[in-house]
Amino acid sequence: MTEITKAQRNHLRKLANPLKPTVLLGKQGLTPEIVAKAERELDAHELIKVRLLEFKDQKETLAQTFVTETGAALVSLIGNVITLYRQQADPERRQIRLPMVEA
């Protein structure tokens, strides 16, 4: 995923506001199963929230790990919720249209 612009990030934050977290990171930590769940959710929805139930002191590191492992862009890290975006590879299945990048 390429970097997203500030305008695109703001657009995604507005879209993410009503969303509930679909991936919960608990006692087991960042396991391959959690990363796989995030991958599936990104494929299905493009924009997801990850709630940190544990490891709250490591939220910046965990957010970067999610970005690296999934190829998603970090939209926001507010409190203990990480918001991630990854564009759907199939143009027919894309649900989110980002504002155009200014040249």
N, C-alpha and C. Protein backbone atom coordinates (compact mmCIF):
# COMPACT_ATOMS: atom_id res chain seq x y z
N MET A 1 0.85 -1.19 0.00
CA MET A 1 0.00 0.00 0.00
C MET A 1 0.88 1.23 0.00
N THR A 2 0.59 2.14 -0.88
CA THR A 2 1.31 3.40 -0.90
C THR A 2 0.77 4.29 0.22
N GLU A 3 1.52 5.33 0.52
CA GLU A 3 1.08 6.27 1.55
C GLU A 3 -0.19 6.97 1.10
N ILE A 4 -1.02 7.30 2.06
CA ILE A 4 -2.23 8.04 1.75
C ILE A 4 -2.02 9.50 2.15
N THR A 5 -2.69 10.38 1.43
CA THR A 5 -2.54 11.81 1.70
C THR A 5 -3.36 12.20 2.92
N LYS A 6 -3.15 13.40 3.39
CA LYS A 6 -3.89 13.90 4.55
C LYS A 6 -5.39 13.96 4.25
N ALA A 7 -5.74 14.41 3.05
CA ALA A 7 -7.16 14.48 2.67
C ALA A 7 -7.79 13.08 2.63
N GLN A 8 -7.05 12.11 2.10
CA GLN A 8 -7.55 10.74 2.06
C GLN A 8 -7.68 10.18 3.47
N ARG A 9 -6.69 10.47 4.33
CA ARG A 9 -6.72 9.99 5.72
C ARG A 9 -7.95 10.57 6.44
N ASN A 10 -8.21 11.86 6.24
CA ASN A 10 -9.39 12.48 6.87
C ASN A 10 -10.68 11.86 6.37
N HIS A 11 -10.75 11.57 5.07
CA HIS A 11 -11.93 10.92 4.48
C HIS A 11 -12.14 9.54 5.12
N LEU A 12 -11.06 8.78 5.24
CA LEU A 12 -11.15 7.44 5.82
C LEU A 12 -11.53 7.49 7.30
N ARG A 13 -11.04 8.49 8.02
CA ARG A 13 -11.39 8.63 9.43
C ARG A 13 -12.88 8.89 9.60
N LYS A 14 -13.46 9.68 8.69
CA LYS A 14 -14.90 9.93 8.73
C LYS A 14 -15.67 8.65 8.47
N LEU A 15 -15.22 7.87 7.50
CA LEU A 15 -15.89 6.60 7.19
C LEU A 15 -15.76 5.60 8.33
N ALA A 16 -14.63 5.64 9.04
CA ALA A 16 -14.37 4.68 10.11
C ALA A 16 -15.08 5.01 11.41
N ASN A 17 -15.52 6.25 11.55
CA ASN A 17 -16.11 6.69 12.82
C ASN A 17 -17.21 5.76 13.34
N PRO A 18 -18.20 5.36 12.53
CA PRO A 18 -19.26 4.49 13.06
C PRO A 18 -18.89 3.01 13.16
N LEU A 19 -17.74 2.61 12.64
CA LEU A 19 -17.38 1.20 12.63
C LEU A 19 -17.04 0.68 14.02
N LYS A 20 -17.36 -0.57 14.24
CA LYS A 20 -16.97 -1.27 15.46
C LYS A 20 -15.69 -2.05 15.17
N PRO A 21 -14.83 -2.24 16.18
CA PRO A 21 -13.63 -3.05 15.96
C PRO A 21 -13.99 -4.49 15.60
N THR A 22 -13.35 -5.00 14.55
CA THR A 22 -13.62 -6.37 14.11
C THR A 22 -12.49 -7.32 14.50
N VAL A 23 -11.34 -6.77 14.87
CA VAL A 23 -10.21 -7.59 15.30
C VAL A 23 -9.85 -7.15 16.71
N LEU A 24 -9.79 -8.12 17.64
CA LEU A 24 -9.45 -7.82 19.03
C LEU A 24 -8.13 -8.48 19.37
N LEU A 25 -7.21 -7.69 19.90
CA LEU A 25 -5.89 -8.20 20.29
C LEU A 25 -5.88 -8.37 21.80
N GLY A 26 -5.83 -9.62 22.26
CA GLY A 26 -5.92 -9.92 23.69
C GLY A 26 -4.64 -10.48 24.27
N LYS A 27 -4.82 -11.37 25.25
CA LYS A 27 -3.71 -11.93 26.02
C LYS A 27 -2.67 -12.66 25.19
N GLN A 28 -3.09 -13.33 24.14
CA GLN A 28 -2.15 -14.11 23.34
C GLN A 28 -1.20 -13.23 22.54
N GLY A 29 -1.52 -11.97 22.40
CA GLY A 29 -0.65 -11.08 21.65
C GLY A 29 -0.90 -11.17 20.16
N LEU A 30 0.06 -10.70 19.41
CA LEU A 30 -0.06 -10.66 17.96
C LEU A 30 0.37 -12.01 17.38
N THR A 31 -0.61 -12.89 17.24
CA THR A 31 -0.36 -14.24 16.72
C THR A 31 -0.61 -14.25 15.21
N PRO A 32 -0.13 -15.30 14.52
CA PRO A 32 -0.44 -15.42 13.08
C PRO A 32 -1.94 -15.47 12.81
N GLU A 33 -2.72 -16.01 13.76
CA GLU A 33 -4.17 -16.07 13.58
C GLU A 33 -4.78 -14.67 13.58
N ILE A 34 -4.27 -13.79 14.45
CA ILE A 34 -4.78 -12.41 14.51
C ILE A 34 -4.44 -11.67 13.22
N VAL A 35 -3.23 -11.86 12.72
CA VAL A 35 -2.82 -11.23 11.46
C VAL A 35 -3.68 -11.76 10.32
N ALA A 36 -3.94 -13.08 10.31
CA ALA A 36 -4.78 -13.68 9.26
C ALA A 36 -6.20 -13.12 9.33
N LYS A 37 -6.73 -12.94 10.54
CA LYS A 37 -8.08 -12.36 10.69
C LYS A 37 -8.09 -10.93 10.15
N ALA A 38 -7.07 -10.15 10.46
CA ALA A 38 -6.98 -8.78 9.94
C ALA A 38 -6.93 -8.80 8.41
N GLU A 39 -6.17 -9.73 7.84
CA GLU A 39 -6.08 -9.87 6.38
C GLU A 39 -7.47 -10.15 5.78
N ARG A 40 -8.20 -11.10 6.38
CA ARG A 40 -9.55 -11.44 5.89
C ARG A 40 -10.49 -10.24 5.99
N GLU A 41 -10.43 -9.54 7.10
CA GLU A 41 -11.31 -8.38 7.29
C GLU A 41 -10.97 -7.27 6.30
N LEU A 42 -9.68 -7.04 6.05
CA LEU A 42 -9.28 -6.03 5.07
C LEU A 42 -9.74 -6.42 3.67
N ASP A 43 -9.64 -7.70 3.33
CA ASP A 43 -10.12 -8.17 2.03
C ASP A 43 -11.63 -7.96 1.88
N ALA A 44 -12.35 -8.16 2.97
CA ALA A 44 -13.80 -8.05 2.91
C ALA A 44 -14.30 -6.60 3.00
N HIS A 45 -13.63 -5.78 3.82
CA HIS A 45 -14.18 -4.45 4.12
C HIS A 45 -13.29 -3.27 3.75
N GLU A 46 -12.03 -3.50 3.49
CA GLU A 46 -11.05 -2.46 3.14
C GLU A 46 -10.66 -1.57 4.32
N LEU A 47 -11.59 -1.21 5.17
CA LEU A 47 -11.35 -0.32 6.30
C LEU A 47 -11.77 -1.03 7.57
N ILE A 48 -10.84 -1.24 8.50
CA ILE A 48 -11.16 -1.98 9.73
C ILE A 48 -10.57 -1.28 10.94
N LYS A 49 -11.10 -1.68 12.10
CA LYS A 49 -10.56 -1.21 13.37
C LYS A 49 -10.07 -2.43 14.16
N VAL A 50 -8.93 -2.23 14.83
CA VAL A 50 -8.35 -3.25 15.70
C VAL A 50 -8.33 -2.68 17.11
N ARG A 51 -8.96 -3.37 18.06
CA ARG A 51 -8.96 -2.91 19.45
C ARG A 51 -7.90 -3.67 20.23
N LEU A 52 -7.12 -2.93 20.99
CA LEU A 52 -6.09 -3.52 21.84
C LEU A 52 -6.67 -3.71 23.24
N LEU A 53 -6.89 -4.96 23.61
CA LEU A 53 -7.39 -5.26 24.95
C LEU A 53 -6.22 -5.39 25.93
N GLU A 54 -5.08 -5.79 25.43
CA GLU A 54 -3.84 -5.93 26.20
C GLU A 54 -2.74 -5.21 25.43
N PHE A 55 -1.56 -5.16 26.00
CA PHE A 55 -0.37 -4.58 25.35
C PHE A 55 -0.60 -3.12 24.93
N LYS A 56 -1.38 -2.39 25.72
CA LYS A 56 -1.70 -1.01 25.38
C LYS A 56 -0.48 -0.10 25.39
N ASP A 57 0.53 -0.47 26.16
CA ASP A 57 1.76 0.33 26.23
C ASP A 57 2.61 0.17 24.97
N GLN A 58 2.29 -0.81 24.13
CA GLN A 58 3.05 -1.08 22.91
C GLN A 58 2.23 -0.76 21.66
N LYS A 59 1.26 0.13 21.77
CA LYS A 59 0.32 0.34 20.65
C LYS A 59 0.98 0.88 19.38
N GLU A 60 1.99 1.76 19.51
CA GLU A 60 2.65 2.27 18.30
C GLU A 60 3.39 1.14 17.57
N THR A 61 4.08 0.31 18.33
CA THR A 61 4.81 -0.81 17.74
C THR A 61 3.84 -1.80 17.09
N LEU A 62 2.75 -2.10 17.78
CA LEU A 62 1.75 -3.03 17.23
C LEU A 62 1.11 -2.47 15.96
N ALA A 63 0.83 -1.18 15.95
CA ALA A 63 0.25 -0.56 14.75
C ALA A 63 1.20 -0.71 13.57
N GLN A 64 2.49 -0.45 13.78
CA GLN A 64 3.47 -0.59 12.71
C GLN A 64 3.59 -2.04 12.26
N THR A 65 3.49 -2.97 13.19
CA THR A 65 3.55 -4.39 12.84
C THR A 65 2.36 -4.78 11.98
N PHE A 66 1.16 -4.31 12.34
CA PHE A 66 -0.02 -4.59 11.51
C PHE A 66 0.16 -4.02 10.11
N VAL A 67 0.69 -2.81 10.00
CA VAL A 67 0.91 -2.18 8.70
C VAL A 67 1.89 -3.02 7.88
N THR A 68 2.97 -3.44 8.49
CA THR A 68 3.99 -4.24 7.80
C THR A 68 3.45 -5.60 7.39
N GLU A 69 2.77 -6.28 8.30
CA GLU A 69 2.29 -7.65 8.05
C GLU A 69 1.16 -7.70 7.02
N THR A 70 0.28 -6.69 7.02
CA THR A 70 -0.90 -6.74 6.14
C THR A 70 -0.75 -5.92 4.88
N GLY A 71 0.22 -5.03 4.84
CA GLY A 71 0.36 -4.15 3.68
C GLY A 71 -0.68 -3.04 3.66
N ALA A 72 -1.29 -2.78 4.80
CA ALA A 72 -2.31 -1.75 4.90
C ALA A 72 -1.68 -0.41 5.26
N ALA A 73 -2.48 0.63 5.16
CA ALA A 73 -2.05 1.97 5.57
C ALA A 73 -2.66 2.27 6.92
N LEU A 74 -1.88 2.90 7.79
CA LEU A 74 -2.37 3.31 9.09
C LEU A 74 -3.19 4.59 8.92
N VAL A 75 -4.47 4.50 9.23
CA VAL A 75 -5.35 5.67 9.13
C VAL A 75 -5.26 6.48 10.42
N SER A 76 -5.41 5.79 11.55
CA SER A 76 -5.33 6.49 12.83
C SER A 76 -5.03 5.51 13.95
N LEU A 77 -4.53 6.08 15.03
CA LEU A 77 -4.29 5.34 16.27
C LEU A 77 -4.83 6.24 17.37
N ILE A 78 -6.06 5.98 17.76
CA ILE A 78 -6.72 6.80 18.76
C ILE A 78 -7.05 5.92 19.96
N GLY A 79 -6.54 6.31 21.11
CA GLY A 79 -6.75 5.51 22.30
C GLY A 79 -6.12 4.14 22.10
N ASN A 80 -6.92 3.12 22.22
CA ASN A 80 -6.45 1.75 22.04
C ASN A 80 -7.05 1.11 20.79
N VAL A 81 -7.38 1.94 19.81
CA VAL A 81 -7.98 1.45 18.57
C VAL A 81 -7.12 1.88 17.38
N ILE A 82 -6.73 0.89 16.59
CA ILE A 82 -5.93 1.11 15.39
C ILE A 82 -6.89 1.01 14.20
N THR A 83 -6.87 1.99 13.32
CA THR A 83 -7.69 1.95 12.11
C THR A 83 -6.78 1.74 10.91
N LEU A 84 -7.09 0.71 10.11
CA LEU A 84 -6.27 0.34 8.96
C LEU A 84 -7.10 0.37 7.67
N TYR A 85 -6.44 0.70 6.57
CA TYR A 85 -7.09 0.70 5.26
C TYR A 85 -6.18 0.01 4.25
N ARG A 86 -6.78 -0.86 3.46
CA ARG A 86 -6.08 -1.47 2.33
C ARG A 86 -7.07 -1.59 1.19
N GLN A 87 -6.71 -0.99 0.07
CA GLN A 87 -7.60 -1.00 -1.10
C GLN A 87 -7.78 -2.43 -1.61
N GLN A 88 -9.01 -2.75 -1.95
CA GLN A 88 -9.35 -4.06 -2.51
C GLN A 88 -8.63 -4.21 -3.86
N ALA A 89 -7.99 -5.35 -4.05
CA ALA A 89 -7.24 -5.60 -5.28
C ALA A 89 -8.15 -5.68 -6.50
N ASP A 90 -9.35 -6.21 -6.33
CA ASP A 90 -10.31 -6.35 -7.43
C ASP A 90 -11.13 -5.07 -7.58
N PRO A 91 -10.96 -4.33 -8.67
CA PRO A 91 -11.70 -3.06 -8.83
C PRO A 91 -13.22 -3.22 -8.75
N GLU A 92 -13.74 -4.38 -9.11
CA GLU A 92 -15.18 -4.61 -9.07
C GLU A 92 -15.71 -4.69 -7.64
N ARG A 93 -14.85 -5.10 -6.69
CA ARG A 93 -15.28 -5.30 -5.31
C ARG A 93 -14.95 -4.12 -4.39
N ARG A 94 -14.34 -3.08 -4.94
CA ARG A 94 -13.98 -1.92 -4.11
C ARG A 94 -15.23 -1.21 -3.60
N GLN A 95 -15.23 -0.94 -2.31
CA GLN A 95 -16.37 -0.27 -1.70
C GLN A 95 -16.07 1.20 -1.38
N ILE A 96 -14.80 1.53 -1.22
CA ILE A 96 -14.40 2.86 -0.80
C ILE A 96 -13.71 3.58 -1.96
N ARG A 97 -14.17 4.78 -2.23
CA ARG A 97 -13.56 5.63 -3.25
C ARG A 97 -12.82 6.75 -2.53
N LEU A 98 -11.51 6.79 -2.69
CA LEU A 98 -10.70 7.83 -2.04
C LEU A 98 -10.73 9.12 -2.85
N PRO A 99 -10.61 10.27 -2.17
CA PRO A 99 -10.48 11.52 -2.92
C PRO A 99 -9.23 11.47 -3.80
N MET A 100 -9.27 12.15 -4.92
CA MET A 100 -8.14 12.14 -5.84
C MET A 100 -6.93 12.79 -5.21
N VAL A 101 -5.76 12.28 -5.58
CA VAL A 101 -4.50 12.83 -5.10
C VAL A 101 -4.19 14.09 -5.90
N GLU A 102 -3.86 15.17 -5.19
CA GLU A 102 -3.54 16.42 -5.88
C GLU A 102 -2.16 16.33 -6.50
N ALA A 103 -2.04 16.74 -7.75
CA ALA A 103 -0.76 16.65 -8.45
C ALA A 103 0.11 17.85 -8.18
